[in-house]
């Protein structure tokens, strides 16, 4: 099973969304997003929902 942060990154790249765009949506710095994207920081359920909305996907897609 692929890790949630890796799945988010796959979807982000497939949709052509930048890391800085997601960082802005989350209200964090680019470095803060980098820590989420690499698994260094945990992703809260609230952040998962914001990311899903920004990527226009169902949050359940992150767990596929």
N, C-alpha and C. Protein backbone atom coordinates (compact mmCIF):
# COMPACT_ATOMS: atom_id res chain seq x y z
N UNK A 1 0.85 -1.18 0.00
CA UNK A 1 0.00 0.00 0.00
C UNK A 1 0.89 1.24 0.00
N UNK A 2 0.54 2.19 -0.81
CA UNK A 2 1.31 3.44 -0.93
C UNK A 2 0.93 4.38 0.21
N UNK A 3 1.89 5.11 0.74
CA UNK A 3 1.65 6.04 1.84
C UNK A 3 0.77 7.20 1.36
N UNK A 4 0.00 7.75 2.28
CA UNK A 4 -0.94 8.83 1.96
C UNK A 4 -0.21 10.02 1.34
N UNK A 5 0.91 10.42 1.94
CA UNK A 5 1.62 11.58 1.40
C UNK A 5 2.13 11.32 -0.02
N UNK A 6 2.51 10.09 -0.31
CA UNK A 6 2.97 9.75 -1.66
C UNK A 6 1.80 9.77 -2.65
N UNK A 7 0.66 9.30 -2.21
CA UNK A 7 -0.53 9.30 -3.08
C UNK A 7 -0.96 10.74 -3.37
N UNK A 8 -0.92 11.60 -2.36
CA UNK A 8 -1.26 13.01 -2.57
C UNK A 8 -0.34 13.61 -3.62
N UNK A 9 0.95 13.32 -3.52
CA UNK A 9 1.90 13.87 -4.47
C UNK A 9 1.65 13.34 -5.88
N UNK A 10 1.29 12.08 -6.02
CA UNK A 10 0.96 11.53 -7.34
C UNK A 10 -0.21 12.29 -7.96
N UNK A 11 -1.25 12.47 -7.17
CA UNK A 11 -2.44 13.16 -7.66
C UNK A 11 -2.11 14.61 -7.98
N UNK A 12 -1.33 15.25 -7.11
CA UNK A 12 -0.96 16.65 -7.33
C UNK A 12 -0.24 16.81 -8.66
N UNK A 13 0.74 15.95 -8.92
CA UNK A 13 1.51 16.02 -10.16
C UNK A 13 0.61 15.72 -11.37
N UNK A 14 -0.22 14.69 -11.25
CA UNK A 14 -1.13 14.33 -12.35
C UNK A 14 -2.06 15.48 -12.71
N UNK A 15 -2.46 16.26 -11.73
CA UNK A 15 -3.40 17.37 -11.96
C UNK A 15 -2.69 18.68 -12.28
N UNK A 16 -1.36 18.68 -12.22
CA UNK A 16 -0.59 19.86 -12.56
C UNK A 16 -0.69 20.98 -11.55
N UNK A 17 -0.91 20.62 -10.29
CA UNK A 17 -1.03 21.60 -9.21
C UNK A 17 0.34 21.77 -8.56
N UNK A 18 0.71 23.01 -8.29
CA UNK A 18 2.03 23.27 -7.70
C UNK A 18 2.01 23.07 -6.19
N UNK A 19 3.18 22.81 -5.65
CA UNK A 19 3.33 22.68 -4.21
C UNK A 19 3.02 24.01 -3.52
N UNK A 20 3.44 25.11 -4.15
CA UNK A 20 3.20 26.42 -3.55
C UNK A 20 1.70 26.74 -3.50
N UNK A 21 0.94 26.28 -4.48
CA UNK A 21 -0.51 26.48 -4.47
C UNK A 21 -1.13 25.75 -3.28
N UNK A 22 -0.74 24.51 -3.07
CA UNK A 22 -1.29 23.75 -1.94
C UNK A 22 -0.84 24.35 -0.61
N UNK A 23 0.40 24.80 -0.54
CA UNK A 23 0.88 25.44 0.69
C UNK A 23 0.02 26.66 1.00
N UNK A 24 -0.27 27.45 -0.01
CA UNK A 24 -1.09 28.66 0.19
C UNK A 24 -2.49 28.28 0.65
N UNK A 25 -3.07 27.26 0.05
CA UNK A 25 -4.41 26.80 0.45
C UNK A 25 -4.43 26.34 1.90
N UNK A 26 -3.34 25.71 2.32
CA UNK A 26 -3.24 25.20 3.69
C UNK A 26 -2.84 26.28 4.69
N UNK A 27 -2.38 27.42 4.18
CA UNK A 27 -1.94 28.49 5.06
C UNK A 27 -0.61 28.21 5.72
N UNK A 28 0.25 27.48 4.99
CA UNK A 28 1.57 27.15 5.52
C UNK A 28 2.64 27.56 4.52
N UNK A 29 3.88 27.51 4.94
CA UNK A 29 4.98 27.85 4.05
C UNK A 29 5.25 26.71 3.07
N UNK A 30 6.02 27.01 2.05
CA UNK A 30 6.42 25.98 1.09
C UNK A 30 7.21 24.88 1.80
N UNK A 31 8.04 25.27 2.76
CA UNK A 31 8.80 24.27 3.52
C UNK A 31 7.86 23.42 4.37
N UNK A 32 6.84 24.05 4.93
CA UNK A 32 5.85 23.30 5.69
C UNK A 32 5.16 22.26 4.83
N UNK A 33 4.83 22.65 3.60
CA UNK A 33 4.20 21.69 2.69
C UNK A 33 5.19 20.59 2.32
N UNK A 34 6.43 20.95 2.11
CA UNK A 34 7.46 19.96 1.79
C UNK A 34 7.52 18.89 2.88
N UNK A 35 7.42 19.30 4.12
CA UNK A 35 7.45 18.34 5.23
C UNK A 35 6.24 17.41 5.18
N UNK A 36 5.08 17.94 4.79
CA UNK A 36 3.90 17.08 4.64
C UNK A 36 4.08 16.12 3.47
N UNK A 37 4.57 16.66 2.36
CA UNK A 37 4.70 15.88 1.13
C UNK A 37 5.73 14.77 1.21
N UNK A 38 6.68 14.92 2.12
CA UNK A 38 7.72 13.89 2.26
C UNK A 38 7.47 12.98 3.45
N UNK A 39 6.38 13.22 4.18
CA UNK A 39 6.06 12.36 5.31
C UNK A 39 6.77 12.74 6.59
N UNK A 40 7.49 13.86 6.60
CA UNK A 40 8.19 14.29 7.82
C UNK A 40 7.24 14.84 8.86
N UNK A 41 6.12 15.40 8.41
CA UNK A 41 5.09 15.91 9.33
C UNK A 41 3.79 15.17 9.07
N UNK A 42 3.04 14.90 10.12
CA UNK A 42 1.74 14.24 9.93
C UNK A 42 0.74 15.18 9.26
N UNK A 43 -0.20 14.60 8.54
CA UNK A 43 -1.23 15.39 7.86
C UNK A 43 -2.53 15.23 8.64
N UNK A 44 -3.08 16.33 9.09
CA UNK A 44 -4.33 16.29 9.86
C UNK A 44 -5.51 16.00 8.92
N UNK A 45 -6.61 15.57 9.50
CA UNK A 45 -7.80 15.33 8.69
C UNK A 45 -8.30 16.63 8.06
N UNK A 46 -8.17 17.74 8.78
CA UNK A 46 -8.56 19.03 8.21
C UNK A 46 -7.71 19.35 6.98
N UNK A 47 -6.41 19.11 7.08
CA UNK A 47 -5.51 19.36 5.94
C UNK A 47 -5.83 18.44 4.78
N UNK A 48 -6.16 17.19 5.08
CA UNK A 48 -6.55 16.27 4.01
C UNK A 48 -7.76 16.78 3.25
N UNK A 49 -8.72 17.32 3.97
CA UNK A 49 -9.92 17.85 3.34
C UNK A 49 -9.58 19.06 2.46
N UNK A 50 -8.74 19.95 2.95
CA UNK A 50 -8.34 21.13 2.18
C UNK A 50 -7.59 20.71 0.92
N UNK A 51 -6.68 19.77 1.05
CA UNK A 51 -5.91 19.28 -0.09
C UNK A 51 -6.85 18.63 -1.11
N UNK A 52 -7.78 17.82 -0.64
CA UNK A 52 -8.73 17.17 -1.54
C UNK A 52 -9.55 18.20 -2.31
N UNK A 53 -10.02 19.23 -1.63
CA UNK A 53 -10.79 20.27 -2.30
C UNK A 53 -9.93 21.00 -3.32
N UNK A 54 -8.68 21.30 -2.97
CA UNK A 54 -7.79 22.00 -3.89
C UNK A 54 -7.47 21.15 -5.13
N UNK A 55 -7.38 19.83 -4.93
CA UNK A 55 -7.08 18.93 -6.05
C UNK A 55 -8.35 18.46 -6.76
N UNK A 56 -9.49 18.83 -6.21
CA UNK A 56 -10.80 18.45 -6.76
C UNK A 56 -10.96 16.93 -6.85
N UNK A 57 -10.64 16.28 -5.73
CA UNK A 57 -10.80 14.83 -5.61
C UNK A 57 -11.49 14.50 -4.29
N UNK A 58 -12.00 13.30 -4.21
CA UNK A 58 -12.56 12.80 -2.96
C UNK A 58 -11.39 12.41 -2.05
N UNK A 59 -11.41 12.80 -0.79
CA UNK A 59 -10.29 12.45 0.10
C UNK A 59 -10.01 10.95 0.20
N UNK A 60 -11.01 10.14 -0.08
CA UNK A 60 -10.80 8.70 -0.05
C UNK A 60 -9.79 8.25 -1.10
N UNK A 61 -9.58 9.05 -2.15
CA UNK A 61 -8.59 8.73 -3.17
C UNK A 61 -7.17 8.67 -2.61
N UNK A 62 -6.94 9.36 -1.49
CA UNK A 62 -5.61 9.35 -0.90
C UNK A 62 -5.27 8.01 -0.24
N UNK A 63 -6.28 7.20 -0.02
CA UNK A 63 -6.10 5.93 0.66
C UNK A 63 -6.24 4.73 -0.28
N UNK A 64 -6.27 5.00 -1.58
CA UNK A 64 -6.46 3.93 -2.57
C UNK A 64 -5.18 3.17 -2.82
